[in-house]
Amino acid sequence: MLDYLEITEQTFTLERNGVAILRGTPDSVRVYQHRKTVAVFERKFGYKQVTSADANLQLRAYLVLVARTYPAERYFGCLTQPRISSKPQIVRYTLDEIFQAEDEIFQIYDACFAENAERHASNEACEHCTAKALCPEFAQWTSAVVKARHLPVAQWTDAQMDLFLSRRSILEKFLNDTLEQIKQIKAANPERLPGWKLKPGNEVRTVRSSIFCSMAAI
């Protein structure tokens, strides 16, 4: 018999004065009531190395969210990346550290929604934002890469190359996301963009198991 309560993919909410500040859905949570301990598990299946558990802001936020629902004395965050390593990363939070992290979330929220709040573009801040095409800060942030394009790459300084490499992924994502939206607009209204047409994508081919059998017999 399990000595813990396990919750899978449940959405938790952090509220202040009746207003939802933050929502999140950790992969799973284990509540060890008799040990006064709660563990939050987050699994990443990509090939890109994510921020370690002790500095991972997503895991930190999940711990704060879960703590509101399941009070305890000790909290553990467990981060795993099975495609990279079989060894989990574990971080421990005391109750005081949970309160400190919660206060940081409130401070960030207040700063974001303050009157005339400044925006600062970065890979982390802009990765999931859907307003990049309208954002002057994003345009200014990416213009530093565009300015170097008039020079052959061989004449770029190390600083210019580093700048390009550090911002390449977010620029590629912006271009791909924009292209997909244009495709959807064209598909919904074929009369738009008369000089362009959508082409059918590559067909997905499947191999039947009988072929594998015949190949194995050869």
Protein backbone atom coordinates (compact mmCIF):
# COMPACT_ATOMS: atom_id res chain seq x y z
CA MET A 1 0.00 0.00 0.00
CA LEU A 2 1.35 3.41 -0.97
CA ASP A 3 2.25 5.72 1.89
CA TYR A 4 1.64 8.85 -0.17
CA LEU A 5 -1.06 10.61 -2.15
CA GLU A 6 -0.21 11.07 -5.82
CA ILE A 7 -1.78 13.78 -7.98
CA THR A 8 -1.15 13.72 -11.73
CA GLU A 9 -1.42 16.73 -14.08
CA GLN A 10 -3.66 18.79 -11.80
CA THR A 11 -3.77 22.55 -12.32
CA PHE A 12 -2.87 24.61 -9.25
CA THR A 13 -3.59 28.30 -8.82
CA LEU A 14 -1.89 31.02 -6.79
CA GLU A 15 -4.36 33.72 -5.77
CA ARG A 16 -3.99 37.06 -4.00
CA ASN A 17 -7.04 39.00 -2.81
CA GLY A 18 -9.26 36.77 -4.91
CA VAL A 19 -7.25 37.39 -8.09
CA ALA A 20 -5.47 34.51 -9.85
CA ILE A 21 -1.80 35.47 -10.14
CA LEU A 22 -0.38 32.28 -11.56
CA ARG A 23 -1.53 28.85 -12.75
CA GLY A 24 0.51 25.77 -13.44
CA THR A 25 0.17 22.04 -14.07
CA PRO A 26 3.09 19.94 -12.82
CA ASP A 27 3.47 16.45 -14.21
CA SER A 28 2.85 14.87 -10.80
CA VAL A 29 2.83 15.62 -7.09
CA ARG A 30 3.34 13.28 -4.14
CA VAL A 31 2.08 14.22 -0.69
CA TYR A 32 3.63 12.31 2.23
CA GLN A 33 1.28 13.46 4.96
CA HIS A 34 2.81 11.54 7.86
CA ARG A 35 6.27 12.88 6.90
CA LYS A 36 4.96 16.43 6.34
CA THR A 37 6.69 16.35 2.97
CA VAL A 38 5.59 17.20 -0.57
CA ALA A 39 7.45 16.32 -3.77
CA VAL A 40 6.82 17.86 -7.19
CA PHE A 41 7.96 15.99 -10.30
CA GLU A 42 8.59 17.62 -13.66
CA ARG A 43 9.76 15.65 -16.70
CA LYS A 44 11.31 17.15 -19.82
CA PHE A 45 11.47 14.96 -22.91
CA GLY A 46 13.31 17.29 -25.28
CA TYR A 47 16.95 17.03 -26.28
CA LYS A 48 17.78 20.55 -25.12
CA GLN A 49 19.33 20.83 -21.66
CA VAL A 50 17.02 22.82 -19.39
CA THR A 51 17.96 24.92 -16.38
CA SER A 52 19.04 22.81 -13.41
CA ALA A 53 16.54 22.06 -10.65
CA ASP A 54 18.10 24.45 -8.13
CA ALA A 55 17.68 27.40 -10.52
CA ASN A 56 14.66 26.26 -12.55
CA LEU A 57 11.98 28.94 -12.28
CA GLN A 58 9.18 26.69 -13.57
CA LEU A 59 9.87 24.07 -10.92
CA ARG A 60 10.17 26.81 -8.29
CA ALA A 61 6.77 28.21 -9.29
CA TYR A 62 5.18 24.75 -9.20
CA LEU A 63 6.41 24.24 -5.64
CA VAL A 64 4.83 27.53 -4.59
CA LEU A 65 1.54 26.63 -6.27
CA VAL A 66 1.39 23.19 -4.70
CA ALA A 67 2.32 24.53 -1.25
CA ARG A 68 -0.86 26.61 -1.18
CA THR A 69 -2.95 23.44 -1.50
CA TYR A 70 -0.78 21.00 0.46
CA PRO A 71 0.95 22.65 3.46
CA ALA A 72 4.05 20.82 4.65
CA GLU A 73 7.39 21.37 6.37
CA ARG A 74 9.62 20.16 3.54
CA TYR A 75 9.26 20.45 -0.21
CA PHE A 76 11.26 18.67 -2.89
CA GLY A 77 11.40 19.43 -6.60
CA CYS A 78 12.49 16.63 -8.91
CA LEU A 79 13.48 17.39 -12.50
CA THR A 80 14.23 14.61 -14.98
CA GLN A 81 15.36 14.62 -18.62
CA PRO A 82 15.30 10.96 -19.72
CA ARG A 83 16.63 11.75 -23.21
CA ILE A 84 19.73 13.33 -21.70
CA SER A 85 20.37 11.58 -18.40
CA SER A 86 18.81 8.87 -16.23
CA LYS A 87 19.86 10.74 -13.10
CA PRO A 88 17.18 13.05 -11.62
CA GLN A 89 17.98 16.51 -10.29
CA ILE A 90 16.52 17.24 -6.85
CA VAL A 91 16.19 20.51 -4.96
CA ARG A 92 14.87 21.00 -1.43
CA TYR A 93 12.86 23.96 -0.18
CA THR A 94 12.03 24.80 3.42
CA LEU A 95 8.74 26.46 4.28
CA ASP A 96 10.53 29.82 4.66
CA GLU A 97 12.03 29.42 1.19
CA ILE A 98 8.57 28.69 -0.22
CA PHE A 99 7.27 31.94 1.30
CA GLN A 100 10.28 33.79 -0.14
CA ALA A 101 9.64 32.35 -3.62
CA GLU A 102 5.96 33.27 -3.37
CA ASP A 103 6.87 36.84 -2.48
CA GLU A 104 9.17 36.98 -5.53
CA ILE A 105 6.28 35.90 -7.76
CA PHE A 106 4.11 38.69 -6.36
CA GLN A 107 6.90 41.21 -6.93
CA ILE A 108 7.34 40.08 -10.54
CA TYR A 109 3.59 40.24 -11.12
CA ASP A 110 3.35 43.76 -9.68
CA ALA A 111 6.31 44.92 -11.77
CA CYS A 112 4.78 43.47 -14.96
CA PHE A 113 1.41 45.13 -14.42
CA ALA A 114 2.68 48.41 -13.04
CA GLU A 115 1.75 51.57 -14.91
CA ASN A 116 4.26 52.27 -17.71
CA ALA A 117 6.10 49.05 -16.92
CA GLU A 118 9.26 48.63 -18.99
CA ARG A 119 9.64 45.63 -21.28
CA HIS A 120 13.00 43.93 -21.68
CA ALA A 121 13.37 41.54 -24.60
CA SER A 122 15.30 38.32 -24.14
CA ASN A 123 15.20 34.70 -25.26
CA GLU A 124 13.37 33.69 -22.10
CA ALA A 125 10.92 36.59 -22.07
CA CYS A 126 10.03 36.44 -25.76
CA GLU A 127 10.07 32.70 -26.48
CA HIS A 128 6.34 32.10 -25.90
CA CYS A 129 5.06 35.62 -26.48
CA THR A 130 2.58 35.95 -29.35
CA ALA A 131 2.97 39.73 -29.73
CA LYS A 132 6.54 39.82 -31.07
CA ALA A 133 5.43 41.24 -34.41
CA LEU A 134 3.98 44.28 -32.62
CA CYS A 135 6.60 44.75 -29.94
CA PRO A 136 9.07 47.63 -30.43
CA GLU A 137 11.37 46.19 -27.75
CA PHE A 138 11.59 42.90 -29.64
CA ALA A 139 12.28 44.77 -32.89
CA GLN A 140 15.06 46.75 -31.25
CA TRP A 141 16.49 43.63 -29.64
CA THR A 142 16.65 41.77 -32.96
CA SER A 143 17.90 44.76 -34.95
CA ALA A 144 21.36 44.23 -33.50
CA VAL A 145 21.54 40.99 -35.51
CA VAL A 146 20.17 42.61 -38.67
CA LYS A 147 22.76 45.41 -38.56
CA ALA A 148 25.59 42.92 -39.06
CA ARG A 149 24.11 41.35 -42.21
CA HIS A 150 25.70 43.89 -44.58
CA LEU A 151 29.12 42.48 -43.69
CA PRO A 152 30.46 39.09 -44.79
CA VAL A 153 30.37 36.70 -41.86
CA ALA A 154 34.15 36.39 -42.03
CA GLN A 155 34.35 40.07 -41.09
CA TRP A 156 32.06 39.76 -38.08
CA THR A 157 33.62 40.27 -34.70
CA ASP A 158 33.39 37.56 -32.05
CA ALA A 159 30.82 39.73 -30.26
CA GLN A 160 28.64 39.89 -33.40
CA MET A 161 28.86 36.12 -33.89
CA ASP A 162 28.02 35.52 -30.25
CA LEU A 163 25.06 37.88 -30.56
CA PHE A 164 23.77 36.03 -33.60
CA LEU A 165 24.15 32.60 -32.02
CA SER A 166 22.46 33.63 -28.78
CA ARG A 167 19.41 35.06 -30.59
CA ARG A 168 19.18 32.71 -33.57
CA SER A 169 16.67 30.27 -32.04
CA ILE A 170 14.14 32.93 -31.05
CA LEU A 171 14.37 34.53 -34.50
CA GLU A 172 13.83 31.16 -36.20
CA LYS A 173 10.83 30.49 -33.99
CA PHE A 174 9.37 33.90 -34.83
CA LEU A 175 9.78 33.27 -38.57
CA ASN A 176 8.30 29.75 -38.37
CA ASP A 177 5.34 30.85 -36.23
CA THR A 178 4.64 33.75 -38.60
CA LEU A 179 4.83 31.46 -41.64
CA GLU A 180 2.33 29.04 -40.08
CA GLN A 181 -0.12 31.88 -39.40
CA ILE A 182 0.19 33.08 -43.01
CA LYS A 183 -0.50 29.54 -44.23
CA GLN A 184 -3.63 29.36 -42.09
CA ILE A 185 -4.84 32.71 -43.44
CA LYS A 186 -4.21 31.60 -47.03
CA ALA A 187 -5.94 28.26 -46.46
CA ALA A 188 -9.00 29.96 -44.96
CA ASN A 189 -9.19 32.52 -47.78
CA PRO A 190 -7.48 31.35 -51.00
CA GLU A 191 -8.07 34.75 -52.62
CA ARG A 192 -5.55 36.33 -50.28
CA LEU A 193 -1.95 36.60 -51.52
CA PRO A 194 -2.74 35.88 -55.21
CA GLY A 195 0.95 35.57 -56.05
CA TRP A 196 1.35 32.63 -53.69
CA LYS A 197 -0.22 29.20 -53.40
CA LEU A 198 -0.14 26.43 -50.86
CA LYS A 199 1.52 23.21 -51.91
CA PRO A 200 0.64 19.81 -50.43
CA GLY A 201 3.16 18.61 -47.88
CA ASN A 202 5.13 15.38 -48.03
CA GLU A 203 3.01 12.27 -47.66
CA VAL A 204 3.65 10.09 -44.64
CA ARG A 205 4.49 6.58 -45.80
CA THR A 206 3.91 3.55 -43.59
CA VAL A 207 5.56 0.16 -43.78
CA ARG A 208 3.39 -2.86 -43.01
CA SER A 209 4.59 -5.51 -40.63
CA SER A 210 4.33 -8.17 -43.38
CA ILE A 211 7.14 -6.41 -45.26
CA PHE A 212 9.35 -6.64 -42.20
CA CYS A 213 8.60 -10.33 -42.04
CA SER A 214 9.59 -10.88 -45.67
CA MET A 215 12.71 -8.83 -45.22
CA ALA A 216 13.66 -10.81 -42.15
CA ALA A 217 13.26 -14.04 -44.11
CA ILE A 218 15.73 -12.95 -46.80
